[in-house]
Amino acid sequence: MKIHSIYIGGWFQRTMLQLSEVYDFLRNGESQLKLNKKKLAELRKNLDMGSVEYGVAGEEFVMFTTSERLRIRIFEDGLITIGSDNVSEETLFADVEHLKDYYETKLSPAINYIFSLGAPVPKELAHIENIYPYFVVCDNATREDIAELLSKTERQKYFEFDNKSYSVLRGDKYYFINNKKTSQPKIERYIEEQIFIREFKGQLHRYLNLHRIIWEKIDQVKDRAKVKGSDVIKFSTKLESYRKTVTLIDGRIRQMSTYISTRERIAKQDKELEEFLAISGFRYETLRNTLEYIKDLWDMTKNYVNSAQKLFDGIKQDVTSSSINSLTIVTSMSAGAAILDLFTESEPSFTSFGFVYFFILALVGWIATKLLSKVAEKRKYEISDVDIDTNIK
């Protein structure tokens, strides 16, 4: 058995405009944006690049090679693949780690810096550890050969299919592809679609989990019978942070419809993928249905955080009104003392007792303000909300 090549990849929404920016950077280390030129040059040098090409294969893409014979393709929709033919059975796992290291420490920092301006990636998504699918392509391997490779990586088999051109045995992180008598470009097309489908599904799953996390955090704020006045601002700030995160993620989710439709249309027009689509073509429709479900879920999340924010805005108004009332009392006390002075003094005069009396009045006013402020902070405001049966999922 010969291991011919290995691949890894990822996907995050991009457009042809951003692909042009990547191409400019790869060609000469330049950007039309206000980015640090020295850092751009360092990032480009770190890629250890060889040739750079711009092509079209259903979608526009940029491809470049490195001195270590890695091949990187970046498509206009954001799909990225990294492949290498410089592999062997003995060094397989070290070769896989090398590809992963290149992606994480060289390519990803460069791409992230090019797109560092504009709408931010929510912090809940920015530090997610990616688990890549690793694709291992073999030439004329037996079932026993592939099974042995699987046993060295993962003991669980998820699925396999076999046709006259190639067969696939998939674990959790590894795909073992046995090339019988087809071209390498055909294998690569299969890998590209698998990476896209897996990454698309993975993003939807992350959004589902984020919905659960944010919803629970909002519940922790709202599920209080009463809240102290001193905590109202803190909770309101938290809700504003959740609202911003929900808005950013909602925008990302709504971008995804275009990508799945375009990928499906291109795949179904590609003769190289006919056998693959006969088995996995339904997954595009399943992903679209799942996407619509996630959209509806995030609409609910957005409405929930907005309603919570309105609730606490009302409480903030109550706290503000209470503070104004406290200041009114203190001011009235000061005014009363001044009026009393007018009736007890025949004419104004400056005496040492007057100064002492003034400071006593100021101290009394300050103490009264502090006491009323503490009372306002300790006062508990009732949170009125509709009770929902949380056992219904």
Protein backbone atom coordinates (compact mmCIF):
# COMPACT_ATOMS: atom_id res chain seq x y z
CA MET A 1 0.00 0.00 0.00
CA LYS A 2 1.17 3.50 -0.81
CA ILE A 3 -0.10 6.63 0.93
CA HIS A 4 -0.31 9.13 -1.90
CA SER A 5 -1.33 12.37 -0.16
CA ILE A 6 -2.99 13.96 2.86
CA TYR A 7 -5.32 16.97 3.15
CA ILE A 8 -6.87 19.17 5.80
CA GLY A 9 -9.10 22.20 5.44
CA GLY A 10 -11.61 24.62 6.87
CA TRP A 11 -14.34 27.07 5.90
CA PHE A 12 -15.54 30.47 7.03
CA GLN A 13 -17.72 32.81 4.99
CA ARG A 14 -15.83 34.96 2.48
CA THR A 15 -16.55 36.57 -0.91
CA MET A 16 -14.77 37.14 -4.21
CA LEU A 17 -13.91 40.65 -3.00
CA GLN A 18 -12.01 39.20 -0.07
CA LEU A 19 -10.37 36.61 -2.33
CA SER A 20 -8.95 39.51 -4.38
CA GLU A 21 -7.51 40.95 -1.17
CA VAL A 22 -5.89 37.60 -0.39
CA TYR A 23 -4.45 37.44 -3.90
CA ASP A 24 -2.93 40.93 -3.59
CA PHE A 25 -1.35 39.92 -0.29
CA LEU A 26 0.05 36.64 -1.66
CA ARG A 27 1.49 38.24 -4.80
CA ASN A 28 3.37 41.14 -3.24
CA GLY A 29 2.46 41.43 0.44
CA GLU A 30 0.28 44.49 -0.14
CA SER A 31 -3.16 45.56 1.01
CA GLN A 32 -5.36 48.52 0.11
CA LEU A 33 -6.44 48.68 3.74
CA LYS A 34 -4.62 50.56 6.49
CA LEU A 35 -2.64 47.59 7.74
CA ASN A 36 0.92 47.58 8.99
CA LYS A 37 3.14 47.01 5.93
CA LYS A 38 5.96 45.55 7.99
CA LYS A 39 3.64 43.01 9.59
CA LEU A 40 2.15 42.13 6.19
CA ALA A 41 5.65 41.44 4.86
CA GLU A 42 6.51 39.28 7.88
CA LEU A 43 3.31 37.25 7.56
CA ARG A 44 3.88 36.70 3.85
CA LYS A 45 7.49 35.63 4.42
CA ASN A 46 6.30 33.22 7.11
CA LEU A 47 4.16 31.41 4.49
CA ASP A 48 7.34 30.21 2.75
CA MET A 49 5.66 30.59 -0.63
CA GLY A 50 6.58 29.36 -4.05
CA SER A 51 4.32 29.97 -7.06
CA VAL A 52 0.93 31.73 -6.87
CA GLU A 53 -1.94 31.16 -9.31
CA TYR A 54 -5.46 32.49 -9.78
CA GLY A 55 -7.98 30.09 -11.31
CA VAL A 56 -11.62 29.04 -11.67
CA ALA A 57 -13.14 25.64 -10.87
CA GLY A 58 -16.82 26.35 -10.44
CA GLU A 59 -15.69 29.10 -8.08
CA GLU A 60 -12.69 31.38 -8.29
CA PHE A 61 -9.71 30.34 -6.21
CA VAL A 62 -6.12 31.20 -5.39
CA MET A 63 -3.54 28.43 -5.19
CA PHE A 64 0.05 28.59 -4.00
CA THR A 65 2.78 26.14 -3.07
CA THR A 66 5.51 26.15 -0.45
CA SER A 67 9.12 25.02 -0.46
CA GLU A 68 8.04 21.91 1.46
CA ARG A 69 5.65 20.93 -1.36
CA LEU A 70 2.43 21.92 0.39
CA ARG A 71 -0.44 23.01 -1.88
CA ILE A 72 -2.89 25.57 -0.53
CA ARG A 73 -6.14 26.49 -2.27
CA ILE A 74 -8.36 29.34 -1.07
CA PHE A 75 -11.80 29.63 -2.71
CA GLU A 76 -13.97 32.72 -3.03
CA ASP A 77 -16.57 31.36 -0.59
CA GLY A 78 -13.90 30.92 2.10
CA LEU A 79 -13.11 27.22 1.70
CA ILE A 80 -9.42 26.45 2.34
CA THR A 81 -7.63 23.17 1.63
CA ILE A 82 -4.02 22.22 2.32
CA GLY A 83 -2.56 19.13 0.68
CA SER A 84 0.78 17.38 0.54
CA ASP A 85 2.20 14.53 -1.55
CA ASN A 86 5.38 14.45 0.53
CA VAL A 87 4.10 11.71 2.86
CA SER A 88 4.64 8.07 3.76
CA GLU A 89 3.03 5.44 5.95
CA GLU A 90 5.90 5.64 8.44
CA THR A 91 5.63 9.42 8.90
CA LEU A 92 1.85 9.79 8.40
CA PHE A 93 0.96 11.27 11.78
CA ALA A 94 3.95 13.62 11.79
CA ASP A 95 2.95 14.75 8.29
CA VAL A 96 -0.61 15.42 9.43
CA GLU A 97 0.65 17.46 12.39
CA HIS A 98 2.89 19.41 10.02
CA LEU A 99 -0.10 20.40 7.87
CA LYS A 100 -2.09 21.34 10.95
CA ASP A 101 0.81 23.41 12.32
CA TYR A 102 1.16 25.26 9.00
CA TYR A 103 -2.55 26.08 9.00
CA GLU A 104 -2.65 27.27 12.62
CA THR A 105 0.66 29.11 12.95
CA LYS A 106 1.28 30.47 9.45
CA LEU A 107 -1.76 30.57 7.19
CA SER A 108 -4.49 31.36 9.72
CA PRO A 109 -2.68 34.34 11.34
CA ALA A 110 -2.07 35.85 7.88
CA ILE A 111 -5.70 35.46 6.77
CA ASN A 112 -7.01 36.76 10.10
CA TYR A 113 -4.82 39.87 9.89
CA ILE A 114 -5.93 40.67 6.33
CA PHE A 115 -9.55 40.59 7.52
CA SER A 116 -8.93 42.18 10.92
CA LEU A 117 -10.79 45.39 10.04
CA GLY A 118 -14.56 45.72 9.83
CA ALA A 119 -17.25 43.78 11.70
CA PRO A 120 -15.58 41.71 14.41
CA VAL A 121 -15.90 37.99 14.88
CA PRO A 122 -17.81 37.42 18.16
CA LYS A 123 -15.43 36.44 20.94
CA GLU A 124 -17.49 33.29 21.47
CA LEU A 125 -16.35 32.17 17.99
CA ALA A 126 -12.87 33.69 17.89
CA HIS A 127 -11.18 31.16 20.21
CA ILE A 128 -12.87 27.92 19.27
CA GLU A 129 -10.47 25.02 18.91
CA ASN A 130 -10.90 23.60 15.42
CA ILE A 131 -10.87 19.86 14.90
CA TYR A 132 -10.08 19.32 11.25
CA PRO A 133 -11.07 16.34 9.16
CA TYR A 134 -7.85 14.65 8.03
CA PHE A 135 -8.05 13.05 4.59
CA VAL A 136 -5.55 10.28 3.80
CA VAL A 137 -5.44 9.19 0.15
CA CYS A 138 -4.02 5.75 -0.65
CA ASP A 139 -3.33 4.02 -3.96
CA ASN A 140 -4.75 0.51 -4.51
CA ALA A 141 -4.97 -0.37 -0.84
CA THR A 142 -6.81 -3.46 0.38
CA ARG A 143 -9.65 -3.35 2.91
CA GLU A 144 -7.21 -4.80 5.43
CA ASP A 145 -4.75 -1.98 4.77
CA ILE A 146 -7.41 0.67 5.36
CA ALA A 147 -8.74 -1.12 8.43
CA GLU A 148 -5.23 -1.19 9.87
CA LEU A 149 -4.85 2.57 9.31
CA LEU A 150 -8.18 3.15 11.04
CA SER A 151 -7.09 1.05 14.01
CA LYS A 152 -4.02 3.27 14.41
CA THR A 153 -6.13 6.44 14.56
CA GLU A 154 -9.70 5.70 15.64
CA ARG A 155 -11.37 2.44 16.51
CA GLN A 156 -14.88 3.58 15.57
CA LYS A 157 -16.04 3.43 11.97
CA TYR A 158 -18.72 5.96 11.06
CA PHE A 159 -19.45 5.02 7.48
CA GLU A 160 -17.91 3.66 4.31
CA PHE A 161 -18.83 3.53 0.67
CA ASP A 162 -17.31 1.88 -2.31
CA ASN A 163 -17.53 2.50 -6.04
CA LYS A 164 -15.50 1.54 -9.07
CA SER A 165 -13.30 4.66 -8.84
CA TYR A 166 -12.56 4.98 -5.11
CA SER A 167 -13.72 3.87 -1.70
CA VAL A 168 -13.97 5.82 1.53
CA LEU A 169 -13.75 4.66 5.14
CA ARG A 170 -14.48 7.39 7.65
CA GLY A 171 -13.75 7.59 11.33
CA ASP A 172 -14.41 10.69 13.43
CA LYS A 173 -11.45 12.88 12.44
CA TYR A 174 -9.96 10.75 9.66
CA TYR A 175 -11.20 9.93 6.16
CA PHE A 176 -9.27 7.13 4.41
CA ILE A 177 -9.74 7.26 0.66
CA ASN A 178 -8.55 4.40 -1.53
CA ASN A 179 -7.96 5.56 -5.09
CA LYS A 180 -8.57 2.65 -7.48
CA LYS A 181 -8.48 4.16 -10.95
CA THR A 182 -9.52 7.79 -10.90
CA SER A 183 -7.68 11.10 -11.20
CA GLN A 184 -6.29 13.08 -8.30
CA PRO A 185 -8.44 16.15 -9.19
CA LYS A 186 -11.56 14.00 -8.79
CA ILE A 187 -10.42 12.92 -5.34
CA GLU A 188 -9.68 16.54 -4.46
CA ARG A 189 -13.18 17.63 -5.51
CA TYR A 190 -14.66 15.01 -3.21
CA ILE A 191 -12.45 16.24 -0.36
CA GLU A 192 -13.41 19.88 -0.95
CA GLU A 193 -17.12 19.12 -0.72
CA GLN A 194 -16.66 16.98 2.37
CA ILE A 195 -14.73 19.78 4.11
CA PHE A 196 -17.40 22.33 3.20
CA ILE A 197 -20.30 20.13 4.35
CA ARG A 198 -18.56 19.18 7.58
CA GLU A 199 -17.52 22.75 8.39
CA PHE A 200 -20.98 24.13 7.53
CA LYS A 201 -22.57 21.59 9.84
CA GLY A 202 -19.96 22.31 12.52
CA GLN A 203 -20.71 26.03 12.46
CA LEU A 204 -24.45 25.39 12.79
CA HIS A 205 -23.78 23.14 15.76
CA ARG A 206 -21.66 25.86 17.41
CA TYR A 207 -24.46 28.37 16.88
CA LEU A 208 -26.93 25.96 18.48
CA ASN A 209 -24.69 25.57 21.52
CA LEU A 210 -24.13 29.34 21.75
CA HIS A 211 -27.90 29.86 21.70
CA ARG A 212 -28.19 27.52 24.69
CA ILE A 213 -25.37 29.25 26.58
CA ILE A 214 -26.64 32.79 25.97
CA TRP A 215 -30.24 31.84 26.74
CA GLU A 216 -29.17 30.36 30.08
CA LYS A 217 -27.12 33.47 30.90
CA ILE A 218 -30.14 35.68 30.21
CA ASP A 219 -32.25 33.38 32.38
CA GLN A 220 -29.76 33.80 35.23
CA VAL A 221 -30.34 37.55 35.04
CA LYS A 222 -34.11 37.45 34.60
CA ASP A 223 -34.91 34.54 36.92
CA ARG A 224 -34.73 36.69 40.05
CA ALA A 225 -37.81 37.72 41.97
CA LYS A 226 -36.07 40.94 42.98
CA VAL A 227 -32.80 42.73 42.21
CA LYS A 228 -30.82 45.26 44.24
CA GLY A 229 -30.59 48.78 42.88
CA SER A 230 -26.77 48.53 42.95
CA ASP A 231 -26.92 45.48 40.62
CA VAL A 232 -29.24 46.93 38.00
CA ILE A 233 -26.48 48.66 36.00
CA LYS A 234 -24.31 45.53 36.13
CA PHE A 235 -27.08 43.30 34.80
CA SER A 236 -28.08 45.84 32.19
CA THR A 237 -24.47 45.96 30.93
CA LYS A 238 -24.40 42.16 30.71
CA LEU A 239 -27.59 42.16 28.67
CA GLU A 240 -26.16 44.76 26.30
CA SER A 241 -23.11 42.53 25.80
CA TYR A 242 -25.36 39.54 25.03
CA ARG A 243 -27.42 41.64 22.63
CA LYS A 244 -24.29 42.68 20.72
CA THR A 245 -23.11 39.06 20.48
CA VAL A 246 -26.53 37.86 19.32
CA THR A 247 -26.65 40.57 16.64
CA LEU A 248 -23.18 39.71 15.29
CA ILE A 249 -23.88 35.98 15.17
CA ASP A 250 -27.30 36.53 13.63
CA GLY A 251 -25.59 38.36 10.76
CA ARG A 252 -23.16 35.46 10.26
CA ILE A 253 -25.99 32.93 10.20
CA ARG A 254 -27.98 34.84 7.60
CA GLN A 255 -24.95 34.92 5.30
CA MET A 256 -24.87 31.14 5.11
CA SER A 257 -27.90 30.60 2.84
CA THR A 258 -26.09 31.85 -0.25
CA TYR A 259 -23.08 29.59 0.27
CA ILE A 260 -24.97 26.32 0.61
CA SER A 261 -27.07 27.04 -2.51
CA THR A 262 -24.03 27.95 -4.62
CA ARG A 263 -22.03 24.93 -3.47
CA GLU A 264 -24.94 22.58 -4.18
CA ARG A 265 -25.49 23.97 -7.67
CA ILE A 266 -21.80 23.70 -8.60
CA ALA A 267 -21.52 20.19 -7.17
CA LYS A 268 -24.55 18.92 -9.09
CA GLN A 269 -23.12 20.28 -12.33
CA ASP A 270 -19.74 18.62 -11.73
CA LYS A 271 -19.42 15.25 -13.52
CA GLU A 272 -16.57 14.35 -11.18
CA LEU A 273 -18.99 14.23 -8.24
CA GLU A 274 -21.84 12.17 -9.70
CA GLU A 275 -21.04 9.07 -7.66
CA PHE A 276 -20.48 11.10 -4.50
CA LEU A 277 -23.80 12.92 -4.89
CA ALA A 278 -25.64 9.64 -5.42
CA ILE A 279 -24.72 8.86 -1.80
CA SER A 280 -24.44 12.25 -0.11
CA GLY A 281 -26.43 14.70 -2.28
CA PHE A 282 -29.30 14.84 0.19
CA ARG A 283 -27.01 16.44 2.76
CA TYR A 284 -27.27 19.85 1.06
CA GLU A 285 -31.02 19.84 1.63
CA THR A 286 -30.56 18.64 5.20
CA LEU A 287 -28.08 21.45 5.87
CA ARG A 288 -30.51 24.01 4.44
CA ASN A 289 -33.29 22.73 6.70
CA THR A 290 -30.97 22.85 9.70
CA LEU A 291 -29.92 26.39 8.77
CA GLU A 292 -33.56 27.54 8.69
CA TYR A 293 -34.08 25.98 12.11
CA ILE A 294 -31.03 27.81 13.53
CA LYS A 295 -32.26 31.09 12.00
CA ASP A 296 -35.62 30.73 13.77
CA LEU A 297 -33.83 29.84 16.99
CA TRP A 298 -31.68 32.97 16.83
CA ASP A 299 -34.74 35.12 16.08
CA MET A 300 -36.17 33.81 19.37
CA THR A 301 -32.85 34.49 21.12
CA LYS A 302 -32.71 38.03 19.74
CA ASN A 303 -36.28 38.75 20.88
CA TYR A 304 -35.53 37.25 24.30
CA VAL A 305 -32.49 39.42 24.95
CA ASN A 306 -34.35 42.52 23.71
CA SER A 307 -37.27 41.85 26.05
CA ALA A 308 -34.88 41.34 28.97
CA GLN A 309 -33.12 44.60 28.15
CA LYS A 310 -36.42 46.51 28.04
CA LEU A 311 -37.30 45.02 31.42
CA PHE A 312 -34.09 46.27 33.01
CA ASP A 313 -34.33 49.63 31.26
CA GLY A 314 -37.63 50.11 33.11
CA ILE A 315 -35.98 49.19 36.41
CA LYS A 316 -33.13 51.64 35.67
CA GLN A 317 -35.73 54.39 35.28
CA ASP A 318 -37.17 53.45 38.68
CA VAL A 319 -33.70 53.64 40.26
CA THR A 320 -33.08 57.02 38.61
CA SER A 321 -36.43 58.36 39.87
CA SER A 322 -35.61 57.12 43.38
CA SER A 323 -32.23 58.89 43.27
CA ILE A 324 -33.86 62.14 42.11
CA ASN A 325 -36.37 61.91 44.97
CA SER A 326 -33.50 61.44 47.44
CA LEU A 327 -31.71 64.51 46.10
CA THR A 328 -34.95 66.47 46.34
CA ILE A 329 -35.22 65.61 50.04
CA VAL A 330 -31.65 66.72 50.73
CA THR A 331 -32.14 69.92 48.75
CA SER A 332 -35.34 70.66 50.66
CA MET A 333 -33.49 70.20 53.95
CA SER A 334 -30.82 72.67 52.87
CA ALA A 335 -33.40 75.14 51.64
CA GLY A 336 -35.31 74.87 54.93
CA ALA A 337 -32.18 75.60 56.90
CA ALA A 338 -31.46 78.65 54.75
CA ILE A 339 -35.00 79.99 55.20
CA LEU A 340 -34.75 79.45 58.97
CA ASP A 341 -31.59 81.54 58.99
CA LEU A 342 -33.42 84.40 57.26
CA PHE A 343 -36.03 84.53 59.99
CA THR A 344 -33.64 84.19 62.93
CA GLU A 345 -30.96 86.64 61.81
CA SER A 346 -31.66 90.36 61.58
CA GLU A 347 -28.93 90.94 59.06
CA PRO A 348 -26.22 88.74 57.53
CA SER A 349 -22.89 88.67 59.32
CA PHE A 350 -19.78 86.50 59.02
CA THR A 351 -18.84 84.81 62.30
CA SER A 352 -16.82 81.78 63.33
CA PHE A 353 -20.04 80.12 64.53
CA GLY A 354 -21.55 80.77 61.08
CA PHE A 355 -18.74 78.91 59.38
CA VAL A 356 -19.07 76.01 61.83
CA TYR A 357 -22.83 76.01 61.30
CA PHE A 358 -22.32 75.95 57.51
CA PHE A 359 -20.02 72.94 57.69
CA ILE A 360 -22.45 71.15 60.04
CA LEU A 361 -25.24 71.69 57.51
CA ALA A 362 -23.00 70.44 54.67
CA LEU A 363 -22.05 67.36 56.71
CA VAL A 364 -25.68 66.63 57.53
CA GLY A 365 -26.56 66.98 53.84
CA TRP A 366 -23.70 64.68 52.79
CA ILE A 367 -24.65 62.05 55.39
CA ALA A 368 -28.29 62.25 54.35
CA THR A 369 -27.33 61.82 50.67
CA LYS A 370 -25.14 58.81 51.48
CA LEU A 371 -27.83 57.20 53.63
CA LEU A 372 -30.48 57.66 50.94
CA SER A 373 -28.05 56.36 48.31
CA LYS A 374 -27.40 53.23 50.38
CA VAL A 375 -31.12 52.74 50.86
CA ALA A 376 -31.58 52.98 47.06
CA GLU A 377 -28.79 50.47 46.47
CA LYS A 378 -30.19 48.00 49.00
CA ARG A 379 -33.75 48.45 47.84
CA LYS A 380 -34.96 45.49 45.83
CA TYR A 381 -36.92 46.03 42.64
CA GLU A 382 -39.36 43.41 41.51
CA ILE A 383 -38.75 41.73 38.14
CA SER A 384 -42.07 41.05 36.46
CA ASP A 385 -41.90 38.61 33.58
CA VAL A 386 -44.05 35.93 31.99
CA ASP A 387 -43.46 32.49 33.48
CA ILE A 388 -42.61 29.83 30.91
CA ASP A 389 -42.54 26.07 31.45
CA THR A 390 -38.86 25.31 30.80
CA ASN A 391 -39.51 21.57 30.65
CA ILE A 392 -40.96 22.02 27.15
CA LYS A 393 -38.10 21.79 24.64
